[in-house]
């Protein structure tokens, strides 16, 4: 079986026509973007800054909560040791 150049040209011509039809149908089916008060466009740099800000806020919150936990734990022991030292000083003074 042989394929002639005429047949190849017809196939390419038909394929080209189909591509043109698809492009025109796609253009017709796309609705134009209407202006809306709810449409917000954030630049890439602003998104990066927002993500970094959120991450830093989360990290700061974690660090401060851990510091508060450590302080409350140390504070409890510190009061105990201060009480002992006060009792010891009273014992020496009396």
PDB file of N, CA and C in Angstrom:
ATOM      1  N   UNK A   1       0.838  -1.161   0.000  1.00  0.00           N
ATOM      2  CA  UNK A   1       0.000   0.000   0.000  1.00  0.00           C
ATOM      3  C   UNK A   1       0.894   1.239   0.000  1.00  0.00           C
ATOM      4  N   UNK A   2       0.566   2.151  -0.845  1.00  0.00           N
ATOM      5  CA  UNK A   2       1.344   3.383  -0.941  1.00  0.00           C
ATOM      6  C   UNK A   2       0.468   4.572  -0.562  1.00  0.00           C
ATOM      7  N   UNK A   3       1.113   5.543   0.014  1.00  0.00           N
ATOM      8  CA  UNK A   3       0.415   6.774   0.391  1.00  0.00           C
ATOM      9  C   UNK A   3       0.959   7.873  -0.498  1.00  0.00           C
ATOM     10  N   UNK A   4       0.071   8.525  -1.166  1.00  0.00           N
ATOM     11  CA  UNK A   4       0.490   9.569  -2.104  1.00  0.00           C
ATOM     12  C   UNK A   4       0.636  10.901  -1.372  1.00  0.00           C
ATOM     13  N   UNK A   5       1.351  11.805  -2.005  1.00  0.00           N
ATOM     14  CA  UNK A   5       1.529  13.145  -1.433  1.00  0.00           C
ATOM     15  C   UNK A   5       0.195  13.880  -1.362  1.00  0.00           C
ATOM     16  N   UNK A   6      -0.696  13.569  -2.319  1.00  0.00           N
ATOM     17  CA  UNK A   6      -2.024  14.187  -2.319  1.00  0.00           C
ATOM     18  C   UNK A   6      -2.775  13.816  -1.034  1.00  0.00           C
ATOM     19  N   UNK A   7      -2.726  12.572  -0.632  1.00  0.00           N
ATOM     20  CA  UNK A   7      -3.401  12.122   0.581  1.00  0.00           C
ATOM     21  C   UNK A   7      -2.786  12.772   1.827  1.00  0.00           C
ATOM     22  N   UNK A   8      -1.481  12.888   1.870  1.00  0.00           N
ATOM     23  CA  UNK A   8      -0.800  13.511   3.018  1.00  0.00           C
ATOM     24  C   UNK A   8      -1.210  14.976   3.116  1.00  0.00           C
ATOM     25  N   UNK A   9      -1.253  15.676   1.968  1.00  0.00           N
ATOM     26  CA  UNK A   9      -1.667  17.083   1.976  1.00  0.00           C
ATOM     27  C   UNK A   9      -3.103  17.226   2.476  1.00  0.00           C
ATOM     28  N   UNK A  10      -3.979  16.328   2.057  1.00  0.00           N
ATOM     29  CA  UNK A  10      -5.368  16.392   2.512  1.00  0.00           C
ATOM     30  C   UNK A  10      -5.473  16.179   4.023  1.00  0.00           C
ATOM     31  N   UNK A  11      -4.713  15.246   4.538  1.00  0.00           N
ATOM     32  CA  UNK A  11      -4.733  14.994   5.979  1.00  0.00           C
ATOM     33  C   UNK A  11      -4.214  16.227   6.723  1.00  0.00           C
ATOM     34  N   UNK A  12      -3.114  16.808   6.273  1.00  0.00           N
ATOM     35  CA  UNK A  12      -2.563  17.992   6.922  1.00  0.00           C
ATOM     36  C   UNK A  12      -3.520  19.180   6.823  1.00  0.00           C
ATOM     37  N   UNK A  13      -4.180  19.327   5.675  1.00  0.00           N
ATOM     38  CA  UNK A  13      -5.138  20.415   5.484  1.00  0.00           C
ATOM     39  C   UNK A  13      -6.324  20.240   6.433  1.00  0.00           C
ATOM     40  N   UNK A  14      -6.835  19.025   6.545  1.00  0.00           N
ATOM     41  CA  UNK A  14      -7.958  18.744   7.435  1.00  0.00           C
ATOM     42  C   UNK A  14      -7.559  18.976   8.891  1.00  0.00           C
ATOM     43  N   UNK A  15      -6.376  18.551   9.263  1.00  0.00           N
ATOM     44  CA  UNK A  15      -5.884  18.734  10.623  1.00  0.00           C
ATOM     45  C   UNK A  15      -5.761  20.220  10.949  1.00  0.00           C
ATOM     46  N   UNK A  16      -5.223  20.991  10.013  1.00  0.00           N
ATOM     47  CA  UNK A  16      -5.101  22.447  10.195  1.00  0.00           C
ATOM     48  C   UNK A  16      -6.459  23.103  10.371  1.00  0.00           C
ATOM     49  N   UNK A  17      -7.439  22.674   9.554  1.00  0.00           N
ATOM     50  CA  UNK A  17      -8.786  23.245   9.668  1.00  0.00           C
ATOM     51  C   UNK A  17      -9.403  22.926  11.033  1.00  0.00           C
ATOM     52  N   UNK A  18      -9.202  21.716  11.520  1.00  0.00           N
ATOM     53  CA  UNK A  18      -9.736  21.344  12.821  1.00  0.00           C
ATOM     54  C   UNK A  18      -9.108  22.170  13.947  1.00  0.00           C
ATOM     55  N   UNK A  19      -7.806  22.420  13.836  1.00  0.00           N
ATOM     56  CA  UNK A  19      -7.148  23.242  14.846  1.00  0.00           C
ATOM     57  C   UNK A  19      -7.711  24.663  14.849  1.00  0.00           C
ATOM     58  N   UNK A  20      -7.958  25.213  13.666  1.00  0.00           N
ATOM     59  CA  UNK A  20      -8.527  26.559  13.574  1.00  0.00           C
ATOM     60  C   UNK A  20      -9.919  26.586  14.194  1.00  0.00           C
ATOM     61  N   UNK A  21     -10.716  25.561  13.927  1.00  0.00           N
ATOM     62  CA  UNK A  21     -12.072  25.513  14.487  1.00  0.00           C
ATOM     63  C   UNK A  21     -12.028  25.427  16.009  1.00  0.00           C
ATOM     64  N   UNK A  22     -11.149  24.609  16.520  1.00  0.00           N
ATOM     65  CA  UNK A  22     -11.038  24.475  17.982  1.00  0.00           C
ATOM     66  C   UNK A  22     -10.632  25.801  18.612  1.00  0.00           C
ATOM     67  N   UNK A  23      -9.702  26.505  17.987  1.00  0.00           N
ATOM     68  CA  UNK A  23      -9.252  27.781  18.534  1.00  0.00           C
ATOM     69  C   UNK A  23     -10.386  28.796  18.526  1.00  0.00           C
ATOM     70  N   UNK A  24     -11.168  28.844  17.437  1.00  0.00           N
ATOM     71  CA  UNK A  24     -12.257  29.813  17.378  1.00  0.00           C
ATOM     72  C   UNK A  24     -13.382  29.445  18.345  1.00  0.00           C
ATOM     73  N   UNK A  25     -13.645  28.156  18.512  1.00  0.00           N
ATOM     74  CA  UNK A  25     -14.665  27.722  19.461  1.00  0.00           C
ATOM     75  C   UNK A  25     -14.219  28.040  20.891  1.00  0.00           C
ATOM     76  N   UNK A  26     -12.946  27.832  21.174  1.00  0.00           N
ATOM     77  CA  UNK A  26     -12.421  28.114  22.509  1.00  0.00           C
ATOM     78  C   UNK A  26     -12.506  29.610  22.806  1.00  0.00           C
ATOM     79  N   UNK A  27     -12.231  30.463  21.827  1.00  0.00           N
ATOM     80  CA  UNK A  27     -12.323  31.908  22.021  1.00  0.00           C
ATOM     81  C   UNK A  27     -13.768  32.328  22.260  1.00  0.00           C
ATOM     82  N   UNK A  28     -14.702  31.722  21.548  1.00  0.00           N
ATOM     83  CA  UNK A  28     -16.110  32.070  21.698  1.00  0.00           C
ATOM     84  C   UNK A  28     -16.675  31.596  23.031  1.00  0.00           C
ATOM     85  N   UNK A  29     -16.187  30.456  23.520  1.00  0.00           N
ATOM     86  CA  UNK A  29     -16.743  29.897  24.741  1.00  0.00           C
ATOM     87  C   UNK A  29     -16.206  30.572  25.995  1.00  0.00           C
ATOM     88  N   UNK A  30     -15.057  31.230  25.892  1.00  0.00           N
ATOM     89  CA  UNK A  30     -14.480  31.907  27.042  1.00  0.00           C
ATOM     90  C   UNK A  30     -15.249  33.198  27.273  1.00  0.00           C
ATOM     91  N   UNK A  31     -15.797  33.314  28.479  1.00  0.00           N
ATOM     92  CA  UNK A  31     -16.540  34.513  28.816  1.00  0.00           C
ATOM     93  C   UNK A  31     -15.570  35.625  29.179  1.00  0.00           C
ATOM     94  N   UNK A  32     -15.873  36.827  28.777  1.00  0.00           N
ATOM     95  CA  UNK A  32     -14.983  37.930  29.140  1.00  0.00           C
ATOM     96  C   UNK A  32     -15.010  38.152  30.654  1.00  0.00           C
ATOM     97  N   UNK A  33     -13.877  38.513  31.192  1.00  0.00           N
ATOM     98  CA  UNK A  33     -13.774  38.737  32.628  1.00  0.00           C
ATOM     99  C   UNK A  33     -14.467  40.050  32.958  1.00  0.00           C
ATOM    100  N   UNK A  34     -15.428  39.951  33.846  1.00  0.00           N
ATOM    101  CA  UNK A  34     -16.153  41.139  34.255  1.00  0.00           C
ATOM    102  C   UNK A  34     -15.508  41.691  35.512  1.00  0.00           C
ATOM    103  N   UNK A  35     -15.487  43.013  35.595  1.00  0.00           N
ATOM    104  CA  UNK A  35     -14.881  43.610  36.779  1.00  0.00           C
ATOM    105  C   UNK A  35     -15.748  43.289  37.988  1.00  0.00           C
ATOM    106  N   UNK A  36     -15.086  42.966  39.071  1.00  0.00           N
ATOM    107  CA  UNK A  36     -15.784  42.592  40.283  1.00  0.00           C
ATOM    108  C   UNK A  36     -15.083  43.227  41.466  1.00  0.00           C
ATOM    109  N   UNK A  37     -15.845  43.611  42.435  1.00  0.00           N
ATOM    110  CA  UNK A  37     -15.260  44.192  43.643  1.00  0.00           C
ATOM    111  C   UNK A  37     -14.542  43.127  44.460  1.00  0.00           C
ATOM    112  N   UNK A  38     -14.889  41.863  44.269  1.00  0.00           N
ATOM    113  CA  UNK A  38     -14.305  40.772  45.046  1.00  0.00           C
ATOM    114  C   UNK A  38     -13.017  40.238  44.447  1.00  0.00           C
ATOM    115  N   UNK A  39     -12.647  40.665  43.270  1.00  0.00           N
ATOM    116  CA  UNK A  39     -11.451  40.151  42.607  1.00  0.00           C
ATOM    117  C   UNK A  39     -10.221  40.819  43.199  1.00  0.00           C
ATOM    118  N   UNK A  40      -9.322  40.001  43.757  1.00  0.00           N
ATOM    119  CA  UNK A  40      -8.100  40.516  44.350  1.00  0.00           C
ATOM    120  C   UNK A  40      -6.929  39.832  43.685  1.00  0.00           C
ATOM    121  N   UNK A  41      -5.968  40.622  43.253  1.00  0.00           N
ATOM    122  CA  UNK A  41      -4.780  40.074  42.610  1.00  0.00           C
ATOM    123  C   UNK A  41      -3.571  40.463  43.442  1.00  0.00           C
ATOM    124  N   UNK A  42      -2.910  39.464  44.006  1.00  0.00           N
ATOM    125  CA  UNK A  42      -1.753  39.701  44.857  1.00  0.00           C
ATOM    126  C   UNK A  42      -0.498  39.324  44.078  1.00  0.00           C
ATOM    127  N   UNK A  43       0.477  40.198  44.101  1.00  0.00           N
ATOM    128  CA  UNK A  43       1.712  39.929  43.373  1.00  0.00           C
ATOM    129  C   UNK A  43       2.477  38.786  44.042  1.00  0.00           C
ATOM    130  N   UNK A  44       3.395  38.241  43.316  1.00  0.00           N
ATOM    131  CA  UNK A  44       4.191  37.118  43.829  1.00  0.00           C
ATOM    132  C   UNK A  44       5.020  37.568  45.023  1.00  0.00           C
ATOM    133  N   UNK A  45       5.597  38.771  44.933  1.00  0.00           N
ATOM    134  CA  UNK A  45       6.404  39.274  46.046  1.00  0.00           C
ATOM    135  C   UNK A  45       5.551  39.467  47.294  1.00  0.00           C
ATOM    136  N   UNK A  46       4.336  39.955  47.121  1.00  0.00           N
ATOM    137  CA  UNK A  46       3.445  40.150  48.268  1.00  0.00           C
ATOM    138  C   UNK A  46       3.067  38.811  48.885  1.00  0.00           C
ATOM    139  N   UNK A  47       2.852  37.807  48.051  1.00  0.00           N
ATOM    140  CA  UNK A  47       2.541  36.463  48.568  1.00  0.00           C
ATOM    141  C   UNK A  47       3.707  35.912  49.370  1.00  0.00           C
ATOM    142  N   UNK A  48       4.922  36.109  48.853  1.00  0.00           N
ATOM    143  CA  UNK A  48       6.106  35.630  49.572  1.00  0.00           C
ATOM    144  C   UNK A  48       6.226  36.317  50.925  1.00  0.00           C
ATOM    145  N   UNK A  49       6.012  37.660  50.931  1.00  0.00           N
ATOM    146  CA  UNK A  49       6.085  38.385  52.185  1.00  0.00           C
ATOM    147  C   UNK A  49       5.024  37.908  53.161  1.00  0.00           C
ATOM    148  N   UNK A  50       3.829  37.631  52.650  1.00  0.00           N
ATOM    149  CA  UNK A  50       2.742  37.177  53.512  1.00  0.00           C
ATOM    150  C   UNK A  50       3.063  35.817  54.117  1.00  0.00           C
ATOM    151  N   UNK A  51       3.584  34.899  53.312  1.00  0.00           N
ATOM    152  CA  UNK A  51       3.932  33.567  53.805  1.00  0.00           C
ATOM    153  C   UNK A  51       5.051  33.667  54.842  1.00  0.00           C
ATOM    154  N   UNK A  52       6.069  34.484  54.569  1.00  0.00           N
ATOM    155  CA  UNK A  52       7.159  34.648  55.526  1.00  0.00           C
ATOM    156  C   UNK A  52       6.652  35.267  56.826  1.00  0.00           C
ATOM    157  N   UNK A  53       5.756  36.216  56.709  1.00  0.00           N
ATOM    158  CA  UNK A  53       5.193  36.848  57.898  1.00  0.00           C
ATOM    159  C   UNK A  53       4.411  35.836  58.729  1.00  0.00           C
ATOM    160  N   UNK A  54       3.603  35.019  58.079  1.00  0.00           N
ATOM    161  CA  UNK A  54       2.830  34.008  58.798  1.00  0.00           C
ATOM    162  C   UNK A  54       3.739  32.997  59.481  1.00  0.00           C
ATOM    163  N   UNK A  55       4.783  32.556  58.773  1.00  0.00           N
ATOM    164  CA  UNK A  55       5.713  31.591  59.362  1.00  0.00           C
ATOM    165  C   UNK A  55       6.446  32.188  60.558  1.00  0.00           C
ATOM    166  N   UNK A  56       6.901  33.425  60.408  1.00  0.00           N
ATOM    167  CA  UNK A  56       7.628  34.046  61.514  1.00  0.00           C
ATOM    168  C   UNK A  56       6.708  34.251  62.714  1.00  0.00           C
ATOM    169  N   UNK A  57       5.459  34.617  62.470  1.00  0.00           N
ATOM    170  CA  UNK A  57       4.511  34.767  63.589  1.00  0.00           C
ATOM    171  C   UNK A  57       4.290  33.450  64.309  1.00  0.00           C
ATOM    172  N   UNK A  58       4.180  32.361  63.556  1.00  0.00           N
ATOM    173  CA  UNK A  58       3.997  31.047  64.180  1.00  0.00           C
ATOM    174  C   UNK A  58       5.225  30.656  64.996  1.00  0.00           C
ATOM    175  N   UNK A  59       6.413  30.885  64.431  1.00  0.00           N
ATOM    176  CA  UNK A  59       7.644  30.545  65.150  1.00  0.00           C
ATOM    177  C   UNK A  59       7.791  31.374  66.414  1.00  0.00           C
ATOM    178  N   UNK A  60       7.488  32.653  66.332  1.00  0.00           N
ATOM    179  CA  UNK A  60       7.585  33.520  67.509  1.00  0.00           C
ATOM    180  C   UNK A  60       6.611  33.054  68.577  1.00  0.00           C
ATOM    181  N   UNK A  61       5.410  32.690  68.167  1.00  0.00           N
ATOM    182  CA  UNK A  61       4.416  32.212  69.131  1.00  0.00           C
ATOM    183  C   UNK A  61       4.895  30.937  69.823  1.00  0.00           C
ATOM    184  N   UNK A  62       5.491  30.021  69.064  1.00  0.00           N
ATOM    185  CA  UNK A  62       5.993  28.782  69.659  1.00  0.00           C
ATOM    186  C   UNK A  62       7.130  29.058  70.628  1.00  0.00           C
ATOM    187  N   UNK A  63       8.058  29.921  70.221  1.00  0.00           N
ATOM    188  CA  UNK A  63       9.209  30.212  71.072  1.00  0.00           C
ATOM    189  C   UNK A  63       8.760  30.897  72.354  1.00  0.00           C
ATOM    190  N   UNK A  64       7.870  31.862  72.247  1.00  0.00           N
ATOM    191  CA  UNK A  64       7.430  32.573  73.453  1.00  0.00           C
ATOM    192  C   UNK A  64       6.632  31.661  74.372  1.00  0.00           C
ATOM    193  N   UNK A  65       5.839  30.759  73.816  1.00  0.00           N
ATOM    194  CA  UNK A  65       5.089  29.840  74.676  1.00  0.00           C
ATOM    195  C   UNK A  65       6.038  28.890  75.393  1.00  0.00           C
ATOM    196  N   UNK A  66       7.089  28.458  74.723  1.00  0.00           N
ATOM    197  CA  UNK A  66       8.064  27.574  75.379  1.00  0.00           C
ATOM    198  C   UNK A  66       8.832  28.325  76.457  1.00  0.00           C
ATOM    199  N   UNK A  67       9.163  29.606  76.187  1.00  0.00           N
ATOM    200  CA  UNK A  67       9.862  30.399  77.185  1.00  0.00           C
ATOM    201  C   UNK A  67       8.987  30.601  78.415  1.00  0.00           C
ATOM    202  N   UNK A  68       7.694  30.828  78.203  1.00  0.00           N
ATOM    203  CA  UNK A  68       6.789  31.006  79.334  1.00  0.00           C
ATOM    204  C   UNK A  68       6.676  29.724  80.144  1.00  0.00           C
ATOM    205  N   UNK A  69       6.642  28.574  79.446  1.00  0.00           N
ATOM    206  CA  UNK A  69       6.599  27.295  80.155  1.00  0.00           C
ATOM    207  C   UNK A  69       7.863  27.105  80.988  1.00  0.00           C
ATOM    208  N   UNK A  70       9.016  27.433  80.415  1.00  0.00           N
ATOM    209  CA  UNK A  70      10.285  27.292  81.129  1.00  0.00           C
ATOM    210  C   UNK A  70      10.345  28.243  82.320  1.00  0.00           C
ATOM    211  N   UNK A  71       9.863  29.458  82.138  1.00  0.00           N
ATOM    212  CA  UNK A  71       9.878  30.430  83.232  1.00  0.00           C
ATOM    213  C   UNK A  71       8.981  29.983  84.380  1.00  0.00           C
ATOM    214  N   UNK A  72       7.815  29.465  84.036  1.00  0.00           N
ATOM    215  CA  UNK A  72       6.913  29.024  85.102  1.00  0.00           C
ATOM    216  C   UNK A  72       7.518  27.832  85.844  1.00  0.00           C
ATOM    217  N   UNK A  73       8.200  26.957  85.118  1.00  0.00           N
ATOM    218  CA  UNK A  73       8.849  25.819  85.761  1.00  0.00           C
ATOM    219  C   UNK A  73      10.002  26.296  86.633  1.00  0.00           C
ATOM    220  N   UNK A  74      10.853  27.187  86.095  1.00  0.00           N
ATOM    221  CA  UNK A  74      11.988  27.708  86.858  1.00  0.00           C
ATOM    222  C   UNK A  74      11.510  28.578  88.008  1.00  0.00           C
ATOM    223  N   UNK A  75      10.425  29.323  87.762  1.00  0.00           N
ATOM    224  CA  UNK A  75       9.882  30.182  88.818  1.00  0.00           C
ATOM    225  C   UNK A  75       9.428  29.365  90.000  1.00  0.00           C
ATOM    226  N   UNK A  76       8.831  28.236  89.748  1.00  0.00           N
ATOM    227  CA  UNK A  76       8.393  27.367  90.831  1.00  0.00           C
ATOM    228  C   UNK A  76       9.572  26.872  91.643  1.00  0.00           C
ATOM    229  N   UNK A  77      10.635  26.487  90.973  1.00  0.00           N
ATOM    230  CA  UNK A  77      11.827  26.013  91.690  1.00  0.00           C
ATOM    231  C   UNK A  77      12.541  27.170  92.362  1.00  0.00           C
ATOM    232  N   UNK A  78      12.539  28.322  91.706  1.00  0.00           N
ATOM    233  CA  UNK A  78      13.211  29.488  92.275  1.00  0.00           C
ATOM    234  C   UNK A  78      12.575  29.919  93.573  1.00  0.00           C
ATOM    235  N   UNK A  79      11.269  29.879  93.642  1.00  0.00           N
ATOM    236  CA  UNK A  79      10.588  30.248  94.877  1.00  0.00           C
ATOM    237  C   UNK A  79      10.941  29.268  95.994  1.00  0.00           C
ATOM    238  N   UNK A  80      11.019  27.995  95.621  1.00  0.00           N
ATOM    239  CA  UNK A  80      11.367  26.976  96.616  1.00  0.00           C
ATOM    240  C   UNK A  80      12.766  27.216  97.142  1.00  0.00           C
ATOM    241  N   UNK A  81      13.707  27.486  96.254  1.00  0.00           N
ATOM    242  CA  UNK A  81      15.083  27.699  96.688  1.00  0.00           C
ATOM    243  C   UNK A  81      15.200  29.010  97.454  1.00  0.00           C
ATOM    244  N   UNK A  82      14.427  30.038  97.086  1.00  0.00           N
ATOM    245  CA  UNK A  82      14.446  31.288  97.840  1.00  0.00           C
ATOM    246  C   UNK A  82      13.908  31.078  99.241  1.00  0.00           C
ATOM    247  N   UNK A  83      12.857  30.267  99.380  1.00  0.00           N
ATOM    248  CA  UNK A  83      12.296  29.971 100.700  1.00  0.00           C
ATOM    249  C   UNK A  83      13.328  29.246 101.562  1.00  0.00           C
ATOM    250  N   UNK A  84      14.041  28.308 100.968  1.00  0.00           N
ATOM    251  CA  UNK A  84      15.056  27.568 101.722  1.00  0.00           C
ATOM    252  C   UNK A  84      16.175  28.497 102.168  1.00  0.00           C
ATOM    253  N   UNK A  85      16.588  29.379 101.259  1.00  0.00           N
ATOM    254  CA  UNK A  85      17.675  30.284 101.631  1.00  0.00           C
ATOM    255  C   UNK A  85      17.217  31.239 102.721  1.00  0.00           C
ATOM    256  N   UNK A  86      15.955  31.668 102.681  1.00  0.00           N
ATOM    257  CA  UNK A  86      15.442  32.549 103.739  1.00  0.00           C
ATOM    258  C   UNK A  86      15.422  31.809 105.070  1.00  0.00           C
ATOM    259  N   UNK A  87      14.996  30.553 105.056  1.00  0.00           N
ATOM    260  CA  UNK A  87      14.971  29.765 106.286  1.00  0.00           C
ATOM    261  C   UNK A  87      16.401  29.545 106.805  1.00  0.00           C
ATOM    262  N   UNK A  88      17.318  29.291 105.892  1.00  0.00           N
ATOM    263  CA  UNK A  88      18.699  29.074 106.284  1.00  0.00           C
ATOM    264  C   UNK A  88      19.275  30.331 106.918  1.00  0.00           C
ATOM    265  N   UNK A  89      18.971  31.486 106.308  1.00  0.00           N
ATOM    266  CA  UNK A  89      19.472  32.755 106.848  1.00  0.00           C
ATOM    267  C   UNK A  89      18.884  33.023 108.215  1.00  0.00           C
ATOM    268  N   UNK A  90      17.595  32.697 108.408  1.00  0.00           N
ATOM    269  CA  UNK A  90      16.958  32.892 109.706  1.00  0.00           C
ATOM    270  C   UNK A  90      17.607  32.002 110.760  1.00  0.00           C
ATOM    271  N   UNK A  91      17.945  30.794 110.343  1.00  0.00           N
ATOM    272  CA  UNK A  91      18.574  29.856 111.264  1.00  0.00           C
ATOM    273  C   UNK A  91      19.945  30.353 111.710  1.00  0.00           C
ATOM    274  N   UNK A  92      20.673  30.953 110.795  1.00  0.00           N
ATOM    275  CA  UNK A  92      22.007  31.454 111.112  1.00  0.00           C
ATOM    276  C   UNK A  92      21.880  32.684 112.017  1.00  0.00           C
ATOM    277  N   UNK A  93      20.898  33.529 111.702  1.00  0.00           N
ATOM    278  CA  UNK A  93      20.740  34.758 112.462  1.00  0.00           C
ATOM    279  C   UNK A  93      20.256  34.495 113.891  1.00  0.00           C
ATOM    280  N   UNK A  94      19.517  33.454 114.122  1.00  0.00           N
ATOM    281  CA  UNK A  94      18.998  33.204 115.454  1.00  0.00           C
ATOM    282  C   UNK A  94      19.933  32.429 116.296  1.00  0.00           C
TER     283      UNK A  94
END
